[in-house]
């Protein structure tokens, strides 16, 4: 008996997970062209995957500091290691609106990001994956705490 139906089912599950996970997933090639754009990214950017596929990331999002991002990504490509950025270093990578209408006290979504290398079977890295986390609530709590700590004592 063949395992093919199970493999197709598992592939379908993986695709479903990639599309519904509550983080942004973007795969870029060495020329920073978009290869994968999940539904989190679509919902927050307003751009469908077919509108981003094969487009240069910097053409799609001019707010990204290209020089800074290329330096960060080059380390991932060359050294085959992960890189990180947190909202305290840089509030966001993608300028998305905050979608927390009740608890939100900011217009922009604060983000943490991880850049991971995607290795080929020969060990070389020709693609990277960006994982974008919505860190807005944590950032707002940190800002409120900082504000409380800066108040004069009575």
Foldseek 3Di string as FASTA:
>chain_A
DDCVVVVVVVVVVVVVCQQPPQKWKWKAFPQQQTQDTHNNNCVFLVDDPVRRGRNHPCVSAVVAPVVVVCVQVVCCQPVQAKDKDFCVRPQDRHFTADPPVPPAPDGTFGWIKMKGFDADPVRHGGMIMIIIDRCRVVVVVVVVVVVVVPDDDD
